[in-house]
Amino acid sequence: MTTPRVKGDRVRIGMVGTGFVARLRAAALQGSDRASLVAVAGHNPADTQAFAAQYNAVAVDAWQALLDRPDLDLIVVCHINRDHSTVAAAALGANHHVVVEYPLALSAEQAQPLLNLALAKQRLLHVEHIELLGGTHLAAKANLGAIGQPFYARYCTLAPRRPAPATWTYCPDLFGFPLVGALSRLHRLIDCFGPVARVYCQNHYGGLTPGPEGLTCYRTCLCTAQLTFASGLIAEVTYGKGEALWQTTRRLEVIGSDGSLCLDGDQGTLTDAQGTRDLEVGSRRGLFAADTAQVIEHLLTGQALYCTPEASLYTLQVATAAQRSAATGRVVDVAAPRPPYSPPSESLQ
């Protein structure tokens, strides 16, 4: 397999979005001698102009204007979740490499054709999953062997917000079903414990109000799912945000035959027959910069990335099954994962 190359020794990037994640991506590119942010498309023209000026890029009127630019190698998609699949499909169709923030689409059925298109076009399709690079996840994986055979996990993230912001992230039509929009909550567990056999899910939206584009938003969301893994492990996942929540929580617990792990915020402990001891948990800072650096390295040298789009798609399958379970009140079986994705091998011309 030949190493994917770009023209010259720099990756030239077009970005869709000007929000929080886009700023982290753009900041990571500042001063790089291996990549440059060339053009930016955003929702608000004034904000887009200001963003582009800050990062020495060109502002364009709409994301479609990026597709025919001959000076771009890579399109980075970091805007409203609902539109990820549309922009990714168009960018791949125009023979660009693509990086997209999770979720790739709002359902697994929408996402699968994008992987097929990336293969047909021999382009990179990378779905960001920076949770795999974070200190909590790395500490969990490094210490799983110390607790014997894991049989139970519980992962809870709650984010109180009062008042709830009137943004697209509180609109189901724009953000997606909670465990789709917050796909990392499932992806972290699947990366640790493998395929899921079945899922049962319940979801609550509170304080429904009019939101952007005339769509409905909520003031509180609370979603819970029980996953039964193919290994027999049982996991409970809780994700919530908004006004009716009162305590910030970010806690992962794993119980095994010989001990247990608890990762609570930036602290961690391991408990076994010898007692309880602290774990070293690395930082959550700089993860978008790390992801960006890996993508650039991959496009310049062919170095493997930390996450495949198939892995993200499989998690999206589980999240889609959870959404179906919440809608029907029934346990939903999850199909086995598909074979691994083959990264692009042809040069970018």
Protein backbone atom coordinates (compact mmCIF):
# COMPACT_ATOMS: atom_id res chain seq x y z
CA MET A 1 0.00 0.00 0.00
CA THR A 2 1.47 3.35 -1.02
CA THR A 3 1.58 6.17 1.46
CA PRO A 4 -1.05 8.88 0.91
CA ARG A 5 0.61 12.13 -0.06
CA VAL A 6 -0.49 15.70 -0.56
CA LYS A 7 0.93 18.09 -3.09
CA GLY A 8 4.09 19.48 -1.58
CA ASP A 9 4.86 19.09 2.10
CA ARG A 10 1.83 20.85 3.64
CA VAL A 11 -1.79 19.89 4.18
CA ARG A 12 -4.07 22.71 3.03
CA ILE A 13 -7.30 22.82 4.98
CA GLY A 14 -10.79 24.21 4.54
CA MET A 15 -12.98 24.36 7.66
CA VAL A 16 -16.75 24.28 8.07
CA GLY A 17 -17.76 25.93 11.34
CA THR A 18 -16.55 28.76 13.56
CA GLY A 19 -17.57 27.54 17.01
CA PHE A 20 -15.66 26.18 20.00
CA VAL A 21 -14.23 23.09 18.30
CA ALA A 22 -13.35 25.00 15.14
CA ARG A 23 -11.34 27.46 17.23
CA LEU A 24 -9.43 24.63 18.90
CA ARG A 25 -8.66 23.14 15.49
CA ALA A 26 -7.60 26.48 14.05
CA ALA A 27 -5.40 27.25 17.06
CA ALA A 28 -3.71 23.87 16.64
CA LEU A 29 -2.80 24.83 13.06
CA GLN A 30 -1.32 28.21 13.93
CA GLY A 31 2.41 28.23 13.45
CA SER A 32 2.45 24.74 11.92
CA ASP A 33 5.00 24.16 9.17
CA ARG A 34 3.10 21.06 8.00
CA ALA A 35 -0.45 22.36 7.57
CA SER A 36 -2.31 25.62 7.04
CA LEU A 37 -5.89 26.80 7.39
CA VAL A 38 -6.72 28.27 3.99
CA ALA A 39 -10.48 28.95 3.98
CA VAL A 40 -13.40 28.96 6.43
CA ALA A 41 -17.17 28.71 5.97
CA GLY A 42 -19.56 29.63 8.76
CA HIS A 43 -23.24 30.30 9.46
CA ASN A 44 -22.92 34.00 10.26
CA PRO A 45 -20.97 36.14 7.73
CA ALA A 46 -19.66 38.62 10.32
CA ASP A 47 -18.50 35.84 12.66
CA THR A 48 -16.91 33.99 9.75
CA GLN A 49 -15.00 37.09 8.64
CA ALA A 50 -13.73 37.68 12.19
CA PHE A 51 -12.73 34.04 12.59
CA ALA A 52 -10.91 33.94 9.27
CA ALA A 53 -9.05 37.17 10.01
CA GLN A 54 -7.92 35.85 13.40
CA TYR A 55 -6.41 32.74 11.82
CA ASN A 56 -5.15 34.35 8.60
CA ALA A 57 -7.60 32.46 6.37
CA VAL A 58 -10.13 33.40 3.68
CA ALA A 59 -13.82 33.61 4.62
CA VAL A 60 -16.28 32.10 2.13
CA ASP A 61 -20.05 32.58 1.97
CA ALA A 62 -21.07 28.91 2.32
CA TRP A 63 -19.47 25.52 2.80
CA GLN A 64 -20.29 24.58 -0.81
CA ALA A 65 -17.77 27.22 -1.90
CA LEU A 66 -14.97 25.14 -0.39
CA LEU A 67 -15.58 22.11 -2.59
CA ASP A 68 -14.21 23.40 -5.90
CA ARG A 69 -11.18 25.18 -4.48
CA PRO A 70 -8.02 23.62 -5.98
CA ASP A 71 -5.94 24.89 -3.05
CA LEU A 72 -7.56 22.53 -0.49
CA ASP A 73 -6.56 18.98 0.40
CA LEU A 74 -8.70 18.41 3.49
CA ILE A 75 -12.14 19.56 4.63
CA VAL A 76 -12.67 19.68 8.41
CA VAL A 77 -16.35 19.53 9.40
CA CYS A 78 -17.14 20.92 12.86
CA HIS A 79 -20.59 22.46 12.89
CA ILE A 80 -24.19 21.35 13.55
CA ASN A 81 -24.44 17.55 13.94
CA ARG A 82 -27.43 17.26 11.60
CA ASP A 83 -25.39 18.55 8.65
CA HIS A 84 -22.23 16.47 9.17
CA SER A 85 -23.27 13.74 6.73
CA THR A 86 -24.34 16.19 4.01
CA VAL A 87 -21.07 18.12 4.06
CA ALA A 88 -18.92 14.99 4.37
CA ALA A 89 -20.66 13.37 1.38
CA ALA A 90 -20.18 16.46 -0.77
CA ALA A 91 -16.53 16.87 0.23
CA LEU A 92 -15.73 13.22 -0.47
CA GLY A 93 -17.58 13.47 -3.76
CA ALA A 94 -15.33 16.40 -4.68
CA ASN A 95 -12.26 14.23 -3.93
CA HIS A 96 -11.26 15.90 -0.68
CA HIS A 97 -10.05 14.11 2.41
CA VAL A 98 -12.47 14.65 5.29
CA VAL A 99 -12.26 15.02 9.06
CA VAL A 100 -15.60 15.24 10.85
CA GLU A 101 -16.49 15.59 14.51
CA TYR A 102 -18.65 12.77 15.84
CA PRO A 103 -21.31 11.80 15.00
CA LEU A 104 -20.65 11.19 11.31
CA ALA A 105 -24.44 11.19 10.84
CA LEU A 106 -27.58 11.11 12.98
CA SER A 107 -28.10 7.40 12.26
CA ALA A 108 -26.03 4.40 11.22
CA GLU A 109 -28.11 4.11 8.04
CA GLN A 110 -27.01 7.60 6.99
CA ALA A 111 -23.37 6.95 7.88
CA GLN A 112 -22.68 3.67 6.05
CA PRO A 113 -22.82 5.16 2.52
CA LEU A 114 -20.16 7.69 3.52
CA LEU A 115 -17.68 4.93 4.34
CA ASN A 116 -18.48 3.31 1.01
CA LEU A 117 -17.92 6.63 -0.77
CA ALA A 118 -14.58 7.19 0.99
CA LEU A 119 -13.41 3.77 -0.18
CA ALA A 120 -14.61 4.36 -3.73
CA LYS A 121 -12.88 7.75 -3.88
CA GLN A 122 -9.78 6.53 -2.01
CA ARG A 123 -10.03 9.46 0.39
CA LEU A 124 -9.46 9.65 4.12
CA LEU A 125 -12.62 9.76 6.23
CA HIS A 126 -11.65 10.34 9.86
CA VAL A 127 -14.28 10.69 12.59
CA GLU A 128 -12.85 12.45 15.64
CA HIS A 129 -13.06 10.53 18.91
CA ILE A 130 -10.71 12.42 21.22
CA GLU A 131 -12.09 10.60 24.29
CA LEU A 132 -9.79 7.73 23.29
CA LEU A 133 -6.79 10.06 23.68
CA GLY A 134 -7.80 11.45 27.09
CA GLY A 135 -6.30 10.65 30.44
CA THR A 136 -9.44 9.00 31.86
CA HIS A 137 -9.73 6.50 29.02
CA LEU A 138 -6.03 5.72 28.91
CA ALA A 139 -5.98 5.16 32.68
CA ALA A 140 -8.99 2.85 32.45
CA LYS A 141 -7.48 0.74 29.67
CA ALA A 142 -4.06 0.60 31.34
CA ASN A 143 -5.56 -0.78 34.55
CA LEU A 144 -8.29 -3.13 33.31
CA GLY A 145 -5.93 -6.08 33.56
CA ALA A 146 -5.50 -5.48 37.29
CA ILE A 147 -9.16 -6.16 38.12
CA GLY A 148 -9.48 -9.59 36.52
CA GLN A 149 -12.50 -10.28 34.32
CA PRO A 150 -14.71 -7.17 34.08
CA PHE A 151 -18.41 -7.92 34.41
CA TYR A 152 -20.02 -4.56 35.20
CA ALA A 153 -19.43 -0.91 34.23
CA ARG A 154 -21.26 2.31 34.99
CA TYR A 155 -20.58 5.58 33.21
CA CYS A 156 -22.40 8.77 34.18
CA THR A 157 -21.92 12.29 32.83
CA LEU A 158 -24.26 15.05 34.01
CA ALA A 159 -23.89 18.73 33.12
CA PRO A 160 -26.22 21.15 34.95
CA ARG A 161 -26.95 24.36 33.01
CA ARG A 162 -29.18 27.10 34.43
CA PRO A 163 -30.53 28.63 32.36
CA ALA A 164 -30.26 26.09 29.59
CA PRO A 165 -28.67 27.75 26.53
CA ALA A 166 -30.87 28.41 23.51
CA THR A 167 -28.48 26.63 21.14
CA TRP A 168 -28.62 23.81 18.60
CA THR A 169 -27.04 21.41 21.13
CA TYR A 170 -30.38 21.43 23.02
CA CYS A 171 -32.42 20.73 19.87
CA PRO A 172 -32.95 17.02 19.05
CA ASP A 173 -33.37 17.69 15.32
CA LEU A 174 -29.97 19.41 15.17
CA PHE A 175 -27.99 17.57 17.87
CA GLY A 176 -29.52 14.12 17.39
CA PHE A 177 -30.75 11.58 19.92
CA PRO A 178 -28.71 12.11 23.13
CA LEU A 179 -26.50 9.02 22.77
CA VAL A 180 -25.99 9.82 19.07
CA GLY A 181 -25.00 13.44 19.63
CA ALA A 182 -22.94 12.39 22.66
CA LEU A 183 -21.57 9.29 20.92
CA SER A 184 -18.37 9.25 22.96
CA ARG A 185 -20.28 7.98 26.01
CA LEU A 186 -20.84 4.68 24.21
CA HIS A 187 -17.62 4.70 22.20
CA ARG A 188 -15.42 4.74 25.29
CA LEU A 189 -17.07 1.58 26.65
CA ILE A 190 -17.08 -0.24 23.32
CA ASP A 191 -13.37 0.48 22.89
CA CYS A 192 -12.78 -1.11 26.30
CA PHE A 193 -15.19 -4.04 26.19
CA GLY A 194 -15.91 -4.90 22.56
CA PRO A 195 -19.16 -5.60 20.70
CA VAL A 196 -22.61 -5.05 22.21
CA ALA A 197 -25.25 -7.77 21.97
CA ARG A 198 -28.34 -5.79 22.97
CA VAL A 199 -29.45 -2.48 24.46
CA TYR A 200 -32.37 -1.12 26.46
CA CYS A 201 -32.74 2.66 26.65
CA GLN A 202 -35.01 5.32 28.15
CA ASN A 203 -34.94 9.04 27.40
CA HIS A 204 -36.51 12.14 28.96
CA TYR A 205 -36.79 15.65 27.55
CA GLY A 206 -38.07 18.35 29.90
CA GLY A 207 -39.14 21.96 29.37
CA LEU A 208 -39.79 21.85 25.63
CA THR A 209 -39.59 25.30 24.03
CA PRO A 210 -39.27 26.84 20.53
CA GLY A 211 -35.66 26.96 19.33
CA PRO A 212 -33.47 27.71 16.27
CA GLU A 213 -35.02 27.34 12.80
CA GLY A 214 -38.48 27.01 14.40
CA LEU A 215 -37.52 23.62 15.86
CA THR A 216 -38.24 22.39 19.37
CA CYS A 217 -35.56 22.54 22.07
CA TYR A 218 -35.50 21.12 25.60
CA ARG A 219 -34.30 22.62 28.84
CA THR A 220 -33.31 19.27 30.33
CA CYS A 221 -32.29 15.95 28.82
CA LEU A 222 -31.67 12.71 30.71
CA CYS A 223 -30.92 9.51 28.81
CA THR A 224 -30.06 6.12 30.32
CA ALA A 225 -29.12 2.87 28.59
CA GLN A 226 -28.26 -0.63 29.72
CA LEU A 227 -25.87 -2.43 27.40
CA THR A 228 -25.26 -6.18 27.42
CA PHE A 229 -21.93 -6.87 25.75
CA ALA A 230 -21.13 -10.01 23.76
CA SER A 231 -18.69 -10.92 26.55
CA GLY A 232 -21.53 -10.91 29.07
CA LEU A 233 -20.47 -7.64 30.71
CA ILE A 234 -23.35 -5.35 31.68
CA ALA A 235 -22.92 -1.59 31.46
CA GLU A 236 -25.14 1.30 32.47
CA VAL A 237 -24.72 4.65 30.71
CA THR A 238 -26.32 7.90 31.87
CA TYR A 239 -26.05 11.17 29.97
CA GLY A 240 -27.80 14.36 30.98
CA LYS A 241 -27.62 18.14 30.72
CA GLY A 242 -29.73 21.15 31.52
CA GLU A 243 -31.72 22.97 34.16
CA ALA A 244 -33.25 20.09 36.17
CA LEU A 245 -29.85 18.60 36.99
CA TRP A 246 -28.06 19.82 40.10
CA GLN A 247 -24.65 18.19 40.39
CA THR A 248 -21.90 17.93 37.81
CA THR A 249 -20.85 14.31 37.41
CA ARG A 250 -18.18 12.62 35.28
CA ARG A 251 -17.68 9.16 36.73
CA LEU A 252 -16.67 5.79 35.27
CA GLU A 253 -16.71 2.65 37.40
CA VAL A 254 -15.68 -0.87 36.36
CA ILE A 255 -16.06 -3.96 38.54
CA GLY A 256 -14.10 -7.12 37.81
CA SER A 257 -13.54 -10.52 39.37
CA ASP A 258 -10.41 -9.32 41.22
CA GLY A 259 -11.04 -5.63 41.87
CA SER A 260 -12.64 -2.39 40.70
CA LEU A 261 -11.71 0.87 39.01
CA CYS A 262 -13.23 4.26 39.74
CA LEU A 263 -12.40 7.29 37.60
CA ASP A 264 -14.15 10.33 39.03
CA GLY A 265 -13.39 13.57 37.23
CA ASP A 266 -9.61 13.84 37.08
CA GLN A 267 -9.08 11.41 39.98
CA GLY A 268 -8.80 7.62 39.85
CA THR A 269 -8.57 4.69 42.26
CA LEU A 270 -8.06 0.96 41.98
CA THR A 271 -9.44 -1.29 44.73
CA ASP A 272 -8.56 -4.96 45.18
CA ALA A 273 -7.65 -7.42 47.95
CA GLN A 274 -4.64 -5.26 48.88
CA GLY A 275 -6.80 -2.17 49.45
CA THR A 276 -7.41 1.06 47.55
CA ARG A 277 -4.69 3.03 45.80
CA ASP A 278 -4.66 6.13 43.64
CA LEU A 279 -4.23 5.98 39.89
CA GLU A 280 -2.42 8.51 37.75
CA VAL A 281 -4.92 10.12 35.39
CA GLY A 282 -3.55 12.24 32.57
CA SER A 283 -4.89 15.54 31.33
CA ARG A 284 -7.88 16.21 29.07
CA ARG A 285 -6.15 19.27 27.60
CA GLY A 286 -4.81 19.50 24.07
CA LEU A 287 -6.80 16.57 22.66
CA PHE A 288 -8.09 18.35 19.54
CA ALA A 289 -4.53 19.44 18.83
CA ALA A 290 -3.38 15.83 19.21
CA ASP A 291 -6.12 14.61 16.87
CA THR A 292 -5.26 17.30 14.31
CA ALA A 293 -1.55 16.41 14.47
CA GLN A 294 -2.32 12.74 13.87
CA VAL A 295 -4.43 13.54 10.81
CA ILE A 296 -1.67 15.71 9.33
CA GLU A 297 0.91 13.01 9.99
CA HIS A 298 -1.31 10.42 8.36
CA LEU A 299 -1.79 12.48 5.22
CA LEU A 300 1.92 13.29 4.94
CA THR A 301 3.46 9.95 5.90
CA GLY A 302 0.73 7.31 6.06
CA GLN A 303 1.08 6.81 9.81
CA ALA A 304 -1.97 4.96 11.17
CA LEU A 305 -4.66 6.92 13.01
CA TYR A 306 -5.91 6.03 16.48
CA CYS A 307 -9.52 5.41 15.40
CA THR A 308 -11.13 3.97 12.27
CA PRO A 309 -14.43 5.14 10.79
CA GLU A 310 -15.73 1.57 11.12
CA ALA A 311 -15.27 1.77 14.87
CA SER A 312 -17.24 5.02 14.97
CA LEU A 313 -19.91 3.57 12.67
CA TYR A 314 -20.32 0.54 14.92
CA THR A 315 -20.83 2.77 17.95
CA LEU A 316 -23.37 4.71 15.91
CA GLN A 317 -25.15 1.40 15.24
CA VAL A 318 -25.39 0.87 19.00
CA ALA A 319 -26.63 4.44 19.53
CA THR A 320 -29.22 4.00 16.78
CA ALA A 321 -30.38 0.80 18.49
CA ALA A 322 -30.64 2.74 21.77
CA GLN A 323 -32.79 5.35 20.05
CA ARG A 324 -35.06 2.63 18.69
CA SER A 325 -35.31 1.08 22.15
CA ALA A 326 -36.27 4.40 23.73
CA ALA A 327 -38.97 4.89 21.08
CA THR A 328 -40.46 1.39 21.41
CA GLY A 329 -39.81 0.55 25.07
CA ARG A 330 -38.22 -2.75 24.00
CA VAL A 331 -34.80 -4.37 24.17
CA VAL A 332 -33.09 -4.09 20.77
CA ASP A 333 -30.47 -6.52 19.46
CA VAL A 334 -27.32 -5.09 17.90
CA ALA A 335 -25.74 -6.62 14.80
CA ALA A 336 -22.10 -7.72 14.90
CA PRO A 337 -19.50 -5.20 13.66
CA ARG A 338 -18.47 -5.23 10.01
CA PRO A 339 -14.90 -5.96 8.83
CA PRO A 340 -12.30 -3.21 9.32
CA TYR A 341 -12.05 -0.23 7.00
CA SER A 342 -9.11 0.00 4.58
CA PRO A 343 -7.48 3.45 4.73
CA PRO A 344 -6.93 5.39 1.50
CA SER A 345 -3.82 4.34 -0.40
CA GLU A 346 -3.68 6.52 -3.50
CA SER A 347 -1.94 9.88 -3.59
CA LEU A 348 -3.99 13.07 -3.61
CA GLN A 349 -3.82 14.54 -7.09
